Amino acid sequence: MKTRHLTENIVDNTIRMEQDHEVQMARAQLYRAAKHAVELHDMLRNFSDTQNLEAWVQAKITMAAEQLESVKNHLEYEVLSGEI
C-alpha cells in the first residue's frame, strides 16, 4: 500500500515537473520571438513605405503573427471557461 502511494506521488510529481518545464520553455520561446519581432520592427523603420519585401518574408511574418494569435485566443478561451 505504501509503495503504491509513493509510486503515485512520484508519477504525479514527474508529470507536474514536465508540465512546469513546458511552460518555462514556452515562455523562453515567446520571449525570443518577441525580441526578434521588436528587432524586425525596428529594422523595417529603415525601409521606405514604397519598398517591397520579398513574398516569402511577408508570408513568414503573417504566418508567425497568425499562429501566435491562434495560441493566445485558445489560451484565453481556456482561462475564461475555467479549464485553466
C-alpha atoms as a PDB file:
ATOM      1  CA  MET A   1       0.000   0.000   0.000  1.00  0.00           C
ATOM      2  CA  LYS A   2       2.768   2.465   0.913  1.00  0.00           C
ATOM      3  CA  THR A   3       4.736   1.556  -2.193  1.00  0.00           C
ATOM      4  CA  ARG A   4       1.720   2.194  -4.417  1.00  0.00           C
ATOM      5  CA  HIS A   5       1.098   5.573  -2.756  1.00  0.00           C
ATOM      6  CA  LEU A   6       4.780   6.502  -3.094  1.00  0.00           C
ATOM      7  CA  THR A   7       4.782   5.484  -6.769  1.00  0.00           C
ATOM      8  CA  GLU A   8       1.663   7.569  -7.449  1.00  0.00           C
ATOM      9  CA  ASN A   9       3.288  10.592  -5.787  1.00  0.00           C
ATOM     10  CA  ILE A  10       6.445  10.164  -7.857  1.00  0.00           C
ATOM     11  CA  VAL A  11       4.402   9.918 -11.059  1.00  0.00           C
ATOM     12  CA  ASP A  12       2.312  12.974 -10.086  1.00  0.00           C
ATOM     13  CA  ASN A  13       5.434  14.984  -9.278  1.00  0.00           C
ATOM     14  CA  THR A  14       7.115  13.928 -12.516  1.00  0.00           C
ATOM     15  CA  ILE A  15       4.082  14.967 -14.561  1.00  0.00           C
ATOM     16  CA  ARG A  16       3.927  18.286 -12.707  1.00  0.00           C
ATOM     17  CA  MET A  17       7.640  18.920 -13.313  1.00  0.00           C
ATOM     18  CA  GLU A  18       7.263  18.116 -17.024  1.00  0.00           C
ATOM     19  CA  GLN A  19       4.333  20.497 -17.282  1.00  0.00           C
ATOM     20  CA  ASP A  20       6.264  23.210 -15.453  1.00  0.00           C
ATOM     21  CA  HIS A  21       9.198  22.684 -17.788  1.00  0.00           C
ATOM     22  CA  GLU A  22       6.927  23.000 -20.824  1.00  0.00           C
ATOM     23  CA  VAL A  23       5.567  26.315 -19.593  1.00  0.00           C
ATOM     24  CA  GLN A  24       9.077  27.559 -18.876  1.00  0.00           C
ATOM     25  CA  MET A  25      10.187  26.527 -22.362  1.00  0.00           C
ATOM     26  CA  ALA A  26       7.182  28.210 -23.959  1.00  0.00           C
ATOM     27  CA  ARG A  27       7.884  31.418 -22.055  1.00  0.00           C
ATOM     28  CA  ALA A  28      11.519  31.368 -23.209  1.00  0.00           C
ATOM     29  CA  GLN A  29      10.462  30.805 -26.807  1.00  0.00           C
ATOM     30  CA  LEU A  30       7.890  33.587 -26.608  1.00  0.00           C
ATOM     31  CA  TYR A  31      10.476  35.941 -25.148  1.00  0.00           C
ATOM     32  CA  ARG A  32      12.831  35.131 -28.003  1.00  0.00           C
ATOM     33  CA  ALA A  33      10.034  35.590 -30.571  1.00  0.00           C
ATOM     34  CA  ALA A  34       9.042  38.937 -29.048  1.00  0.00           C
ATOM     35  CA  LYS A  35      12.669  40.091 -29.036  1.00  0.00           C
ATOM     36  CA  HIS A  36      13.053  39.193 -32.713  1.00  0.00           C
ATOM     37  CA  ALA A  37       9.721  40.836 -33.561  1.00  0.00           C
ATOM     38  CA  VAL A  38      10.823  44.109 -31.948  1.00  0.00           C
ATOM     39  CA  GLU A  39      14.189  43.947 -33.728  1.00  0.00           C
ATOM     40  CA  LEU A  40      12.483  43.289 -37.081  1.00  0.00           C
ATOM     41  CA  HIS A  41      10.031  46.114 -36.428  1.00  0.00           C
ATOM     42  CA  ASP A  42      12.942  48.459 -35.776  1.00  0.00           C
ATOM     43  CA  MET A  43      14.788  47.235 -38.880  1.00  0.00           C
ATOM     44  CA  LEU A  44      11.740  47.936 -41.038  1.00  0.00           C
ATOM     45  CA  ARG A  45      11.776  51.564 -39.879  1.00  0.00           C
ATOM     46  CA  ASN A  46      14.770  51.966 -42.184  1.00  0.00           C
ATOM     47  CA  PHE A  47      12.700  50.839 -45.179  1.00  0.00           C
ATOM     48  CA  SER A  48      10.579  53.292 -47.087  1.00  0.00           C
ATOM     49  CA  ASP A  49       6.875  52.605 -47.441  1.00  0.00           C
ATOM     50  CA  THR A  50       7.363  52.194 -51.165  1.00  0.00           C
ATOM     51  CA  GLN A  51       9.936  49.391 -50.795  1.00  0.00           C
ATOM     52  CA  ASN A  52       8.773  45.831 -51.233  1.00  0.00           C
ATOM     53  CA  LEU A  53       9.612  42.873 -49.058  1.00  0.00           C
ATOM     54  CA  GLU A  54      10.118  39.522 -50.692  1.00  0.00           C
ATOM     55  CA  ALA A  55       6.958  37.427 -50.757  1.00  0.00           C
ATOM     56  CA  TRP A  56       8.421  34.683 -48.555  1.00  0.00           C
ATOM     57  CA  VAL A  57       9.361  37.289 -45.911  1.00  0.00           C
ATOM     58  CA  GLN A  58       5.834  38.702 -45.866  1.00  0.00           C
ATOM     59  CA  ALA A  59       4.376  35.193 -45.728  1.00  0.00           C
ATOM     60  CA  LYS A  60       6.504  34.147 -42.751  1.00  0.00           C
ATOM     61  CA  ILE A  61       5.673  37.300 -40.795  1.00  0.00           C
ATOM     62  CA  THR A  62       1.972  36.790 -41.492  1.00  0.00           C
ATOM     63  CA  MET A  63       2.128  33.109 -40.546  1.00  0.00           C
ATOM     64  CA  ALA A  64       4.002  33.815 -37.297  1.00  0.00           C
ATOM     65  CA  ALA A  65       1.509  36.509 -36.313  1.00  0.00           C
ATOM     66  CA  GLU A  66      -1.474  34.261 -37.107  1.00  0.00           C
ATOM     67  CA  GLN A  67      -0.047  31.300 -35.192  1.00  0.00           C
ATOM     68  CA  LEU A  68       0.720  33.377 -32.097  1.00  0.00           C
ATOM     69  CA  GLU A  69      -2.755  34.899 -32.229  1.00  0.00           C
ATOM     70  CA  SER A  70      -4.291  31.429 -32.519  1.00  0.00           C
ATOM     71  CA  VAL A  71      -2.482  30.187 -29.403  1.00  0.00           C
ATOM     72  CA  LYS A  72      -3.383  33.364 -27.499  1.00  0.00           C
ATOM     73  CA  ASN A  73      -7.071  33.008 -28.412  1.00  0.00           C
ATOM     74  CA  HIS A  74      -7.065  29.346 -27.404  1.00  0.00           C
ATOM     75  CA  LEU A  75      -5.485  30.024 -24.005  1.00  0.00           C
ATOM     76  CA  GLU A  76      -7.819  32.978 -23.395  1.00  0.00           C
ATOM     77  CA  TYR A  77     -10.797  30.700 -24.062  1.00  0.00           C
ATOM     78  CA  GLU A  78      -9.464  28.053 -21.660  1.00  0.00           C
ATOM     79  CA  VAL A  79      -8.889  30.657 -18.945  1.00  0.00           C
ATOM     80  CA  LEU A  80     -12.346  32.200 -19.397  1.00  0.00           C
ATOM     81  CA  SER A  81     -14.077  28.815 -19.477  1.00  0.00           C
ATOM     82  CA  GLY A  82     -12.275  27.737 -16.312  1.00  0.00           C
ATOM     83  CA  GLU A  83     -10.294  24.935 -17.927  1.00  0.00           C
ATOM     84  CA  ILE A  84      -7.034  26.524 -16.760  1.00  0.00           C
END
